[in-house]
Amino acid sequence: MVTVALPKGRIAQQTLHIFEQIFKEKFEFKGRELILKKAGFTFLNVRNWDVATYVEYQAADIGVVGYDVIKELNSDVMELLDMKLGVCKVCVGGIANDDSYKNKTELTVATKLQNIAREYFSKKGIPTKIIKLNGSIELAPLIGLSDVIVDIVETGTTMKENGLEIKEDVLEYVSARLIANKNSFVEKKPQIIKLYESMKELV
């Protein structure tokens, strides 16, 4: 049996829909159900940020998770397939029509993507102070908590509504990826490859 870790929410539903198309039967978590067993698979319904960890430590054989999570956690997993779901990008955002942050000798950056932000500004040779926030990140520059933010952007509407704008692209293309545990890929290679090929056709 292959264990699959799925992130709660929209991407889980879209992934289960792909399984429905492959196996021609209904796949869904009922209510607050965390485990679903079907068609030789065990599905785990976990938080987005935990999917890569479940896979890395072989609590799950494969999983579906955003590239931003893999990159941020520097996860030691195999990336098998771009699922082309949840497409977005990671950007630097700041107050609209104000580029004064570019003149600073040290930048204060608010983000939940601390490692991605640190690596991006480090490559540009800009010293940064990173403040970790988990939500309402757009608020930080508005009240002077940070100079800029680094955040996931789908349309940019939330930034615009809050008087911010995209300043720079950090990761231009982020999407959900099918990942595998390295040992599982060896131990359960026929099942994983078969599933990968079916998914690849649909994706």
C-alpha atoms as a PDB file:
ATOM      1  CA  MET A   1       0.000   0.000   0.000  1.00  0.00           C
ATOM      2  CA  VAL A   2       1.273   3.455  -0.943  1.00  0.00           C
ATOM      3  CA  THR A   3       0.679   6.288   1.545  1.00  0.00           C
ATOM      4  CA  VAL A   4      -0.051   9.719   0.062  1.00  0.00           C
ATOM      5  CA  ALA A   5       0.181  12.984   2.047  1.00  0.00           C
ATOM      6  CA  LEU A   6      -2.152  15.705   0.763  1.00  0.00           C
ATOM      7  CA  PRO A   7      -2.417  19.335   1.879  1.00  0.00           C
ATOM      8  CA  LYS A   8      -5.788  20.306   3.338  1.00  0.00           C
ATOM      9  CA  GLY A   9      -8.023  22.409   1.114  1.00  0.00           C
ATOM     10  CA  ARG A  10      -8.262  23.086  -2.608  1.00  0.00           C
ATOM     11  CA  ILE A  11      -5.137  21.249  -3.782  1.00  0.00           C
ATOM     12  CA  ALA A  12      -6.193  18.087  -1.890  1.00  0.00           C
ATOM     13  CA  GLN A  13      -9.573  18.155  -3.647  1.00  0.00           C
ATOM     14  CA  GLN A  14      -7.974  18.749  -7.047  1.00  0.00           C
ATOM     15  CA  THR A  15      -5.493  15.907  -6.444  1.00  0.00           C
ATOM     16  CA  LEU A  16      -8.236  13.515  -5.326  1.00  0.00           C
ATOM     17  CA  HIS A  17     -10.125  14.450  -8.496  1.00  0.00           C
ATOM     18  CA  ILE A  18      -7.085  13.259 -10.493  1.00  0.00           C
ATOM     19  CA  PHE A  19      -7.212   9.939  -8.574  1.00  0.00           C
ATOM     20  CA  GLU A  20     -10.949   9.719  -9.386  1.00  0.00           C
ATOM     21  CA  GLN A  21     -10.151  10.080 -13.079  1.00  0.00           C
ATOM     22  CA  ILE A  22      -7.438   7.420 -12.898  1.00  0.00           C
ATOM     23  CA  PHE A  23      -9.383   4.841 -10.857  1.00  0.00           C
ATOM     24  CA  LYS A  24     -12.921   5.752 -11.971  1.00  0.00           C
ATOM     25  CA  GLU A  25     -14.288   5.895  -8.424  1.00  0.00           C
ATOM     26  CA  LYS A  26     -15.002   8.519  -5.756  1.00  0.00           C
ATOM     27  CA  PHE A  27     -12.162   9.712  -3.517  1.00  0.00           C
ATOM     28  CA  GLU A  28     -13.024  12.143  -0.724  1.00  0.00           C
ATOM     29  CA  PHE A  29     -12.331  12.885   2.911  1.00  0.00           C
ATOM     30  CA  LYS A  30     -15.582  12.992   4.867  1.00  0.00           C
ATOM     31  CA  GLY A  31     -15.978  15.803   7.403  1.00  0.00           C
ATOM     32  CA  ARG A  32     -12.860  16.090   9.557  1.00  0.00           C
ATOM     33  CA  GLU A  33     -11.494  12.723   8.447  1.00  0.00           C
ATOM     34  CA  LEU A  34      -7.678  12.642   8.386  1.00  0.00           C
ATOM     35  CA  ILE A  35      -7.122   9.185   6.866  1.00  0.00           C
ATOM     36  CA  LEU A  36      -8.778   7.759   3.754  1.00  0.00           C
ATOM     37  CA  LYS A  37      -8.037   4.218   2.520  1.00  0.00           C
ATOM     38  CA  LYS A  38      -9.007   3.379  -1.034  1.00  0.00           C
ATOM     39  CA  ALA A  39      -7.790   1.471  -4.108  1.00  0.00           C
ATOM     40  CA  GLY A  40      -4.579   0.315  -2.426  1.00  0.00           C
ATOM     41  CA  PHE A  41      -3.713   3.818  -1.161  1.00  0.00           C
ATOM     42  CA  THR A  42      -3.783   5.477   2.237  1.00  0.00           C
ATOM     43  CA  PHE A  43      -4.354   9.236   1.997  1.00  0.00           C
ATOM     44  CA  LEU A  44      -3.342  11.525   4.847  1.00  0.00           C
ATOM     45  CA  ASN A  45      -5.057  14.917   5.151  1.00  0.00           C
ATOM     46  CA  VAL A  46      -2.351  17.163   6.656  1.00  0.00           C
ATOM     47  CA  ARG A  47      -1.380  20.830   6.825  1.00  0.00           C
ATOM     48  CA  ASN A  48       0.310  22.153   3.692  1.00  0.00           C
ATOM     49  CA  TRP A  49       3.529  22.949   5.560  1.00  0.00           C
ATOM     50  CA  ASP A  50       3.716  19.389   6.957  1.00  0.00           C
ATOM     51  CA  VAL A  51       3.379  17.419   3.690  1.00  0.00           C
ATOM     52  CA  ALA A  52       7.088  17.542   2.779  1.00  0.00           C
ATOM     53  CA  THR A  53       8.039  16.547   6.351  1.00  0.00           C
ATOM     54  CA  TYR A  54       5.737  13.492   6.285  1.00  0.00           C
ATOM     55  CA  VAL A  55       7.324  12.442   2.993  1.00  0.00           C
ATOM     56  CA  GLU A  56      10.924  13.214   3.997  1.00  0.00           C
ATOM     57  CA  TYR A  57      10.614  11.061   7.141  1.00  0.00           C
ATOM     58  CA  GLN A  58       8.706   8.300   5.260  1.00  0.00           C
ATOM     59  CA  ALA A  59       5.466   8.654   7.218  1.00  0.00           C
ATOM     60  CA  ALA A  60       4.134   8.997   3.661  1.00  0.00           C
ATOM     61  CA  ASP A  61       5.640   7.537   0.483  1.00  0.00           C
ATOM     62  CA  ILE A  62       4.547  10.357  -1.799  1.00  0.00           C
ATOM     63  CA  GLY A  63       2.837  13.707  -1.406  1.00  0.00           C
ATOM     64  CA  VAL A  64       1.583  16.794  -3.185  1.00  0.00           C
ATOM     65  CA  VAL A  65       2.965  20.123  -1.976  1.00  0.00           C
ATOM     66  CA  GLY A  66       3.819  23.607  -3.188  1.00  0.00           C
ATOM     67  CA  TYR A  67       7.308  24.245  -4.529  1.00  0.00           C
ATOM     68  CA  ASP A  68       7.592  27.176  -2.082  1.00  0.00           C
ATOM     69  CA  VAL A  69       7.324  24.723   0.852  1.00  0.00           C
ATOM     70  CA  ILE A  70       9.959  22.362  -0.607  1.00  0.00           C
ATOM     71  CA  LYS A  71      12.295  25.318  -1.172  1.00  0.00           C
ATOM     72  CA  GLU A  72      11.667  26.981   2.202  1.00  0.00           C
ATOM     73  CA  LEU A  73      12.190  23.764   4.189  1.00  0.00           C
ATOM     74  CA  ASN A  74      15.021  22.579   1.912  1.00  0.00           C
ATOM     75  CA  SER A  75      13.254  19.204   1.945  1.00  0.00           C
ATOM     76  CA  ASP A  76      15.272  16.098   1.141  1.00  0.00           C
ATOM     77  CA  VAL A  77      12.691  14.538  -1.207  1.00  0.00           C
ATOM     78  CA  MET A  78      12.436  13.536  -4.867  1.00  0.00           C
ATOM     79  CA  GLU A  79      10.443  15.897  -7.052  1.00  0.00           C
ATOM     80  CA  LEU A  80       8.581  13.756  -9.602  1.00  0.00           C
ATOM     81  CA  LEU A  81       6.029  15.935 -11.369  1.00  0.00           C
ATOM     82  CA  ASP A  82       4.771  19.496 -11.742  1.00  0.00           C
ATOM     83  CA  MET A  83       1.041  19.092 -11.037  1.00  0.00           C
ATOM     84  CA  LYS A  84       0.316  22.564 -12.492  1.00  0.00           C
ATOM     85  CA  LEU A  85      -2.056  23.240  -9.578  1.00  0.00           C
ATOM     86  CA  GLY A  86      -2.078  26.300  -7.300  1.00  0.00           C
ATOM     87  CA  VAL A  87       0.133  28.285  -9.668  1.00  0.00           C
ATOM     88  CA  CYS A  88       1.495  31.491  -8.124  1.00  0.00           C
ATOM     89  CA  LYS A  89       4.806  33.256  -7.521  1.00  0.00           C
ATOM     90  CA  VAL A  90       6.851  34.563  -4.604  1.00  0.00           C
ATOM     91  CA  CYS A  91       7.454  38.316  -4.690  1.00  0.00           C
ATOM     92  CA  VAL A  92       8.921  41.236  -2.818  1.00  0.00           C
ATOM     93  CA  GLY A  93       6.084  43.637  -2.017  1.00  0.00           C
ATOM     94  CA  GLY A  94       6.229  47.195  -0.743  1.00  0.00           C
ATOM     95  CA  ILE A  95       4.325  50.438  -0.496  1.00  0.00           C
ATOM     96  CA  ALA A  96       3.022  51.516  -3.918  1.00  0.00           C
ATOM     97  CA  ASN A  97       5.048  54.194  -5.724  1.00  0.00           C
ATOM     98  CA  ASP A  98       7.743  54.133  -3.039  1.00  0.00           C
ATOM     99  CA  ASP A  99      11.094  52.562  -3.906  1.00  0.00           C
ATOM    100  CA  SER A 100      13.023  54.140  -1.030  1.00  0.00           C
ATOM    101  CA  TYR A 101      13.741  50.644   0.333  1.00  0.00           C
ATOM    102  CA  LYS A 102      16.321  50.278  -2.453  1.00  0.00           C
ATOM    103  CA  ASN A 103      18.494  52.984  -0.844  1.00  0.00           C
ATOM    104  CA  LYS A 104      18.703  51.303   2.574  1.00  0.00           C
ATOM    105  CA  THR A 105      21.951  49.748   3.808  1.00  0.00           C
ATOM    106  CA  GLU A 106      19.953  47.074   5.683  1.00  0.00           C
ATOM    107  CA  LEU A 107      16.453  45.915   4.812  1.00  0.00           C
ATOM    108  CA  THR A 108      13.825  44.767   7.290  1.00  0.00           C
ATOM    109  CA  VAL A 109      11.751  42.055   5.626  1.00  0.00           C
ATOM    110  CA  ALA A 110       8.506  40.578   7.002  1.00  0.00           C
ATOM    111  CA  THR A 111       7.674  37.095   5.726  1.00  0.00           C
ATOM    112  CA  LYS A 112       6.819  33.518   6.603  1.00  0.00           C
ATOM    113  CA  LEU A 113       9.266  32.388   3.895  1.00  0.00           C
ATOM    114  CA  GLN A 114      12.362  33.245   5.923  1.00  0.00           C
ATOM    115  CA  ASN A 115      14.881  31.029   4.112  1.00  0.00           C
ATOM    116  CA  ILE A 116      13.670  31.995   0.632  1.00  0.00           C
ATOM    117  CA  ALA A 117      13.836  35.697   1.543  1.00  0.00           C
ATOM    118  CA  ARG A 118      17.248  35.393   3.200  1.00  0.00           C
ATOM    119  CA  GLU A 119      18.718  33.536   0.208  1.00  0.00           C
ATOM    120  CA  TYR A 120      17.250  36.006  -2.311  1.00  0.00           C
ATOM    121  CA  PHE A 121      18.641  39.134  -0.654  1.00  0.00           C
ATOM    122  CA  SER A 122      21.920  37.420   0.227  1.00  0.00           C
ATOM    123  CA  LYS A 123      22.503  36.669  -3.475  1.00  0.00           C
ATOM    124  CA  LYS A 124      21.956  40.371  -4.174  1.00  0.00           C
ATOM    125  CA  GLY A 125      24.434  41.261  -1.428  1.00  0.00           C
ATOM    126  CA  ILE A 126      21.823  43.123   0.634  1.00  0.00           C
ATOM    127  CA  PRO A 127      21.991  42.712   4.449  1.00  0.00           C
ATOM    128  CA  THR A 128      18.550  41.872   5.853  1.00  0.00           C
ATOM    129  CA  LYS A 129      16.772  41.582   9.149  1.00  0.00           C
ATOM    130  CA  ILE A 130      14.006  38.994   8.793  1.00  0.00           C
ATOM    131  CA  ILE A 131      10.822  39.239  10.863  1.00  0.00           C
ATOM    132  CA  LYS A 132       8.703  36.072  10.787  1.00  0.00           C
ATOM    133  CA  LEU A 133       4.977  36.632  10.432  1.00  0.00           C
ATOM    134  CA  ASN A 134       2.361  33.949   9.775  1.00  0.00           C
ATOM    135  CA  GLY A 135      -0.523  36.042   8.504  1.00  0.00           C
ATOM    136  CA  SER A 136      -1.655  39.551   7.434  1.00  0.00           C
ATOM    137  CA  ILE A 137       1.878  40.133   6.169  1.00  0.00           C
ATOM    138  CA  GLU A 138       0.700  43.094   4.041  1.00  0.00           C
ATOM    139  CA  LEU A 139       0.211  45.073   7.255  1.00  0.00           C
ATOM    140  CA  ALA A 140       3.930  45.132   8.106  1.00  0.00           C
ATOM    141  CA  PRO A 141       5.164  47.880   5.700  1.00  0.00           C
ATOM    142  CA  LEU A 142       2.026  49.958   6.301  1.00  0.00           C
ATOM    143  CA  ILE A 143       2.746  50.372  10.015  1.00  0.00           C
ATOM    144  CA  GLY A 144       6.531  50.559   9.711  1.00  0.00           C
ATOM    145  CA  LEU A 145       7.263  47.075  11.048  1.00  0.00           C
ATOM    146  CA  SER A 146       9.208  46.270   7.866  1.00  0.00           C
ATOM    147  CA  ASP A 147      10.491  47.975   4.715  1.00  0.00           C
ATOM    148  CA  VAL A 148       9.145  45.243   2.436  1.00  0.00           C
ATOM    149  CA  ILE A 149       7.496  41.820   2.556  1.00  0.00           C
ATOM    150  CA  VAL A 150       8.217  38.552   0.771  1.00  0.00           C
ATOM    151  CA  ASP A 151       5.029  36.640   0.133  1.00  0.00           C
ATOM    152  CA  ILE A 152       3.149  34.308  -2.188  1.00  0.00           C
ATOM    153  CA  VAL A 153       1.157  36.180  -4.842  1.00  0.00           C
ATOM    154  CA  GLU A 154      -1.547  34.731  -7.076  1.00  0.00           C
ATOM    155  CA  THR A 155      -3.088  37.829  -8.653  1.00  0.00           C
ATOM    156  CA  GLY A 156      -1.614  40.710  -6.649  1.00  0.00           C
ATOM    157  CA  THR A 157      -5.118  41.932  -5.728  1.00  0.00           C
ATOM    158  CA  THR A 158      -4.583  41.647  -1.950  1.00  0.00           C
ATOM    159  CA  MET A 159      -1.447  43.781  -2.201  1.00  0.00           C
ATOM    160  CA  LYS A 160      -3.193  46.426  -4.340  1.00  0.00           C
ATOM    161  CA  GLU A 161      -6.183  46.581  -1.973  1.00  0.00           C
ATOM    162  CA  ASN A 162      -3.773  47.324   0.865  1.00  0.00           C
ATOM    163  CA  GLY A 163      -1.781  50.028  -0.902  1.00  0.00           C
ATOM    164  CA  LEU A 164       1.141  47.776  -1.799  1.00  0.00           C
ATOM    165  CA  GLU A 165       2.607  46.644  -5.116  1.00  0.00           C
ATOM    166  CA  ILE A 166       4.905  43.910  -6.395  1.00  0.00           C
ATOM    167  CA  LYS A 167       8.473  45.227  -6.477  1.00  0.00           C
ATOM    168  CA  GLU A 168      10.503  42.166  -7.525  1.00  0.00           C
ATOM    169  CA  ASP A 169       9.910  38.516  -8.397  1.00  0.00           C
ATOM    170  CA  VAL A 170      11.721  36.103  -6.079  1.00  0.00           C
ATOM    171  CA  LEU A 171      10.400  32.820  -7.537  1.00  0.00           C
ATOM    172  CA  GLU A 172       8.598  33.437 -10.821  1.00  0.00           C
ATOM    173  CA  TYR A 173       6.786  30.097 -10.968  1.00  0.00           C
ATOM    174  CA  VAL A 174       5.474  28.170  -7.973  1.00  0.00           C
ATOM    175  CA  SER A 175       3.061  25.239  -8.254  1.00  0.00           C
ATOM    176  CA  ALA A 176       2.094  22.018  -6.503  1.00  0.00           C
ATOM    177  CA  ARG A 177       4.577  19.185  -7.085  1.00  0.00           C
ATOM    178  CA  LEU A 178       4.297  15.413  -6.713  1.00  0.00           C
ATOM    179  CA  ILE A 179       7.141  14.385  -4.397  1.00  0.00           C
ATOM    180  CA  ALA A 180       8.420  11.019  -3.151  1.00  0.00           C
ATOM    181  CA  ASN A 181      10.472   9.719  -0.262  1.00  0.00           C
ATOM    182  CA  LYS A 182      13.833   8.519  -1.618  1.00  0.00           C
ATOM    183  CA  ASN A 183      13.655   5.118   0.129  1.00  0.00           C
ATOM    184  CA  SER A 184       9.996   4.600  -0.792  1.00  0.00           C
ATOM    185  CA  PHE A 185      10.842   5.306  -4.408  1.00  0.00           C
ATOM    186  CA  VAL A 186      13.241   2.343  -4.332  1.00  0.00           C
ATOM    187  CA  GLU A 187      11.038   0.038  -2.218  1.00  0.00           C
ATOM    188  CA  LYS A 188       7.751   0.757  -4.034  1.00  0.00           C
ATOM    189  CA  LYS A 189       9.084   1.825  -7.400  1.00  0.00           C
ATOM    190  CA  PRO A 190       6.593  -0.100  -9.639  1.00  0.00           C
ATOM    191  CA  GLN A 191       3.521   1.346  -7.840  1.00  0.00           C
ATOM    192  CA  ILE A 192       4.925   4.887  -7.687  1.00  0.00           C
ATOM    193  CA  ILE A 193       6.059   4.893 -11.330  1.00  0.00           C
ATOM    194  CA  LYS A 194       2.675   3.531 -12.475  1.00  0.00           C
ATOM    195  CA  LEU A 195       0.843   6.264 -10.567  1.00  0.00           C
ATOM    196  CA  TYR A 196       3.286   8.922 -11.791  1.00  0.00           C
ATOM    197  CA  GLU A 197       2.711   7.920 -15.410  1.00  0.00           C
ATOM    198  CA  SER A 198      -1.094   7.979 -15.012  1.00  0.00           C
ATOM    199  CA  MET A 199      -0.907  11.392 -13.358  1.00  0.00           C
ATOM    200  CA  LYS A 200       1.469  12.740 -15.987  1.00  0.00           C
ATOM    201  CA  GLU A 201      -1.034  11.891 -18.717  1.00  0.00           C
ATOM    202  CA  LEU A 202      -3.803  13.819 -16.933  1.00  0.00           C
ATOM    203  CA  VAL A 203      -1.680  16.763 -15.860  1.00  0.00           C
END
